[in-house]
Amino acid sequence: MAQQDKHWSKMELLHQAVRNPNIQVKGTHSYYSGAWDEGFEASVVRYLYGDGYSLRTWQPQWPIDQLHIGDYVCIGAEAVILMGGNHTHRADWFSLYPFADRIVEAYKGKGDTVIGDGAWIGMRAMIMPGVTIGEGAIVAAGSVVVQDVEPYAIVGGNPAGLIHHRFAPEVVSRLRALDIYAWPEGKFEALRDAVCAADIEKLEAASLAYDQRHG
């Protein structure tokens, strides 16, 4: 999206915008609301090999941590997803400095970063490397997430802590069993009224009826 076309009401669809081979985007609905910066890859994703400059300039000397983004993910403006490409500062060494001749020995990967289906990352939140954000979780604006977030949890603060869960544990369990983000597009659209509500029994019944009709 050209800068002159940007507005806070517009979104950047990730499956259309992402070019980095180390960013895996599931589905076609996840978006970034980037009205005030240079876009998702240029401004949100930090320290990830695979952008144009790094591909032209050097060969990676270690496995590249991947960024996995589920479907129906909402990412607020100026969020930061910090990846592991610069993890060459060894806290267990006397010197933290990344000396060029020790760079391979110094590097310690953090593992893949995962943002689950249906998650919402608030404006200016920061996701640290190797973190998994569970399905349907909410990260409050300005939060710094340093550890995994449970599905359907709401976290906030620095470091981010649990505020509360969106639904009771039994409802979360039943909702996850339905696996709504794995449904075919047609089913998800047909059951939109039940998905955009909070009646788990109605959603389960609608899902069963749909499957029986289209079995």
Protein backbone atom coordinates (compact mmCIF):
# COMPACT_ATOMS: atom_id res chain seq x y z
CA MET A 1 0.00 0.00 0.00
CA ALA A 2 1.48 3.34 -1.06
CA GLN A 3 2.13 5.84 1.74
CA GLN A 4 -0.34 8.36 0.30
CA ASP A 5 -3.06 5.69 0.37
CA LYS A 6 -2.57 4.81 4.04
CA HIS A 7 -5.19 5.53 6.65
CA TRP A 8 -5.95 4.06 10.07
CA SER A 9 -9.13 2.51 8.67
CA LYS A 10 -7.19 0.53 6.05
CA MET A 11 -5.31 -2.73 6.49
CA GLU A 12 -2.40 -4.56 4.89
CA LEU A 13 -3.29 -8.18 4.17
CA LEU A 14 -0.27 -10.23 5.14
CA HIS A 15 -0.65 -12.98 2.55
CA GLN A 16 -0.41 -10.29 -0.14
CA ALA A 17 2.37 -8.23 1.43
CA VAL A 18 4.85 -10.74 2.86
CA ARG A 19 7.85 -11.63 0.71
CA ASN A 20 10.34 -12.94 3.28
CA PRO A 21 10.59 -16.75 2.89
CA ASN A 22 11.07 -17.08 6.66
CA ILE A 23 7.61 -15.68 7.42
CA GLN A 24 4.88 -18.29 7.07
CA VAL A 25 1.37 -16.84 6.75
CA LYS A 26 -1.63 -19.16 7.00
CA GLY A 27 -4.80 -18.26 5.13
CA THR A 28 -5.89 -15.00 3.57
CA HIS A 29 -7.45 -12.98 6.40
CA SER A 30 -4.61 -11.88 8.69
CA TYR A 31 -3.78 -8.20 8.54
CA TYR A 32 -1.56 -5.41 9.82
CA SER A 33 -2.95 -1.94 10.56
CA GLY A 34 0.12 0.01 9.50
CA ALA A 35 -1.06 3.53 8.81
CA TRP A 36 1.90 5.24 10.51
CA ASP A 37 4.96 3.29 9.37
CA GLU A 38 6.54 1.54 6.41
CA GLY A 39 4.48 -1.64 6.58
CA PHE A 40 4.62 -5.08 8.14
CA GLU A 41 7.91 -6.47 6.84
CA ALA A 42 9.84 -3.19 7.02
CA SER A 43 8.62 -1.96 10.41
CA VAL A 44 7.13 -4.79 12.46
CA VAL A 45 9.38 -7.80 11.86
CA ARG A 46 12.87 -7.11 13.22
CA TYR A 47 16.15 -9.04 12.90
CA LEU A 48 14.91 -11.72 10.52
CA TYR A 49 17.14 -12.94 7.71
CA GLY A 50 15.38 -13.14 4.37
CA ASP A 51 14.74 -9.49 3.49
CA GLY A 52 16.22 -8.15 0.27
CA TYR A 53 19.37 -6.72 1.86
CA SER A 54 20.32 -9.77 3.89
CA LEU A 55 19.68 -12.11 0.98
CA ARG A 56 22.04 -10.06 -1.19
CA THR A 57 24.69 -9.49 1.45
CA TRP A 58 25.43 -12.70 3.37
CA GLN A 59 24.76 -16.38 3.78
CA PRO A 60 23.29 -17.44 7.14
CA GLN A 61 25.67 -19.43 9.33
CA TRP A 62 22.95 -20.98 11.51
CA PRO A 63 19.34 -22.20 11.14
CA ILE A 64 16.94 -19.29 10.76
CA ASP A 65 14.13 -19.03 13.30
CA GLN A 66 10.78 -18.85 11.51
CA LEU A 67 7.81 -16.56 12.08
CA HIS A 68 4.48 -18.38 11.83
CA ILE A 69 1.27 -16.33 11.63
CA GLY A 70 -2.12 -18.00 11.74
CA ASP A 71 -5.30 -17.01 9.97
CA TYR A 72 -7.64 -14.22 11.13
CA VAL A 73 -4.79 -12.56 13.06
CA CYS A 74 -5.10 -8.82 13.77
CA ILE A 75 -1.86 -6.87 14.33
CA GLY A 76 -2.14 -3.30 15.56
CA ALA A 77 -0.10 -0.34 14.34
CA GLU A 78 3.59 -0.08 15.28
CA ALA A 79 3.72 -3.49 16.93
CA VAL A 80 7.16 -5.14 16.95
CA ILE A 81 7.88 -8.84 16.45
CA LEU A 82 11.48 -9.26 17.51
CA MET A 83 13.16 -12.22 15.88
CA GLY A 84 16.39 -13.99 16.76
CA GLY A 85 18.82 -12.90 14.06
CA ASN A 86 20.86 -10.72 16.43
CA HIS A 87 21.15 -13.13 19.35
CA THR A 88 24.93 -13.00 19.46
CA HIS A 89 25.21 -11.35 22.90
CA ARG A 90 26.04 -14.17 25.29
CA ALA A 91 24.84 -13.38 28.81
CA ASP A 92 26.74 -16.40 30.11
CA TRP A 93 30.06 -14.99 28.84
CA PHE A 94 31.99 -12.23 30.61
CA SER A 95 31.76 -10.08 27.48
CA LEU A 96 28.45 -9.47 25.72
CA TYR A 97 30.16 -7.96 22.68
CA PRO A 98 29.53 -9.81 19.35
CA PHE A 99 33.12 -10.24 18.12
CA ALA A 100 33.12 -11.15 14.45
CA ASP A 101 35.51 -14.07 14.88
CA ARG A 102 33.27 -15.60 17.57
CA ILE A 103 29.90 -14.83 16.01
CA VAL A 104 28.91 -18.41 15.22
CA GLU A 105 29.89 -19.60 18.66
CA ALA A 106 28.08 -16.66 20.24
CA TYR A 107 24.78 -17.12 18.43
CA LYS A 108 22.01 -18.85 20.37
CA GLY A 109 18.71 -19.19 18.53
CA LYS A 110 15.47 -18.59 20.39
CA GLY A 111 13.26 -20.88 18.30
CA ASP A 112 10.33 -20.07 16.06
CA THR A 113 7.84 -17.36 16.95
CA VAL A 114 4.19 -18.35 16.54
CA ILE A 115 1.09 -16.16 16.50
CA GLY A 116 -1.93 -18.43 16.62
CA ASP A 117 -5.15 -18.21 14.65
CA GLY A 118 -7.51 -15.44 15.66
CA ALA A 119 -5.03 -13.64 17.93
CA TRP A 120 -5.04 -9.85 18.34
CA ILE A 121 -1.77 -7.99 18.90
CA GLY A 122 -2.42 -4.48 20.20
CA MET A 123 -0.81 -1.25 19.04
CA ARG A 124 2.89 -0.92 19.95
CA ALA A 125 3.04 -4.31 21.62
CA MET A 126 6.39 -6.11 21.41
CA ILE A 127 6.65 -9.86 20.95
CA MET A 128 10.03 -11.23 22.03
CA PRO A 129 11.79 -14.04 20.12
CA GLY A 130 10.64 -17.62 20.44
CA VAL A 131 7.26 -16.76 21.97
CA THR A 132 4.01 -18.52 21.08
CA ILE A 133 0.80 -16.49 21.19
CA GLY A 134 -2.08 -18.93 21.54
CA GLU A 135 -5.23 -19.12 19.45
CA GLY A 136 -7.62 -16.28 20.12
CA ALA A 137 -5.31 -14.53 22.59
CA ILE A 138 -5.22 -10.76 23.05
CA VAL A 139 -2.01 -8.82 23.74
CA ALA A 140 -2.83 -5.39 25.14
CA ALA A 141 -1.39 -2.26 23.53
CA GLY A 142 2.13 -1.40 24.64
CA SER A 143 2.79 -4.78 26.23
CA VAL A 144 6.10 -6.65 26.11
CA VAL A 145 5.50 -10.39 25.75
CA VAL A 146 8.42 -12.45 27.06
CA GLN A 147 6.74 -15.83 27.49
CA ASP A 148 4.07 -17.94 25.83
CA VAL A 149 0.47 -16.78 26.01
CA GLU A 150 -2.31 -19.31 26.54
CA PRO A 151 -5.13 -19.62 24.02
CA TYR A 152 -7.95 -17.14 24.61
CA ALA A 153 -5.99 -15.32 27.33
CA ILE A 154 -5.69 -11.54 27.62
CA VAL A 155 -2.25 -10.33 28.69
CA GLY A 156 -0.83 -6.88 29.29
CA GLY A 157 2.02 -4.93 30.85
CA ASN A 158 5.81 -5.10 30.82
CA PRO A 159 6.54 -7.91 31.12
CA ALA A 160 3.10 -9.00 29.98
CA GLY A 161 1.09 -10.91 32.56
CA LEU A 162 -2.29 -12.57 32.56
CA ILE A 163 -5.20 -10.16 32.97
CA HIS A 164 -7.91 -12.77 32.54
CA HIS A 165 -9.18 -15.38 30.11
CA ARG A 166 -11.76 -14.46 27.52
CA PHE A 167 -13.96 -17.45 28.39
CA ALA A 168 -14.29 -20.07 31.10
CA PRO A 169 -11.89 -23.04 30.80
CA GLU A 170 -14.70 -25.42 29.78
CA VAL A 171 -15.77 -23.07 26.98
CA VAL A 172 -12.19 -22.68 25.76
CA SER A 173 -11.78 -26.45 25.70
CA ARG A 174 -14.97 -26.92 23.70
CA LEU A 175 -14.11 -24.07 21.37
CA ARG A 176 -10.67 -25.48 20.66
CA ALA A 177 -12.19 -28.90 20.04
CA LEU A 178 -14.30 -27.34 17.29
CA ASP A 179 -11.08 -26.11 15.64
CA ILE A 180 -12.95 -23.29 13.92
CA TYR A 181 -9.89 -21.87 12.16
CA ALA A 182 -9.37 -25.16 10.36
CA TRP A 183 -12.89 -25.08 8.91
CA PRO A 184 -13.26 -24.71 5.16
CA GLU A 185 -14.00 -21.16 4.07
CA GLY A 186 -17.56 -22.08 3.18
CA LYS A 187 -18.33 -23.44 6.63
CA PHE A 188 -16.79 -20.48 8.41
CA GLU A 189 -18.84 -18.08 6.30
CA ALA A 190 -22.05 -20.07 6.67
CA LEU A 191 -21.69 -20.14 10.47
CA ARG A 192 -20.65 -16.48 10.79
CA ASP A 193 -23.59 -15.61 13.05
CA ALA A 194 -22.61 -18.32 15.53
CA VAL A 195 -18.91 -17.46 15.33
CA CYS A 196 -19.63 -13.78 15.97
CA ALA A 197 -21.35 -14.55 19.26
CA ALA A 198 -20.58 -16.24 22.58
CA ASP A 199 -23.00 -19.18 22.78
CA ILE A 200 -20.84 -22.33 22.66
CA GLU A 201 -23.83 -24.69 22.52
CA LYS A 202 -25.25 -22.83 19.55
CA LEU A 203 -21.88 -22.94 17.81
CA GLU A 204 -21.47 -26.67 18.44
CA ALA A 205 -25.00 -27.37 17.18
CA ALA A 206 -24.48 -25.24 14.08
CA SER A 207 -21.20 -27.00 13.33
CA LEU A 208 -22.76 -30.44 13.69
CA ALA A 209 -25.73 -29.51 11.51
CA TYR A 210 -23.44 -28.08 8.82
CA ASP A 211 -21.29 -31.22 8.80
CA GLN A 212 -24.37 -33.43 8.52
CA ARG A 213 -25.65 -31.43 5.56
CA HIS A 214 -22.32 -31.36 3.80
CA GLY A 215 -20.92 -34.69 4.98
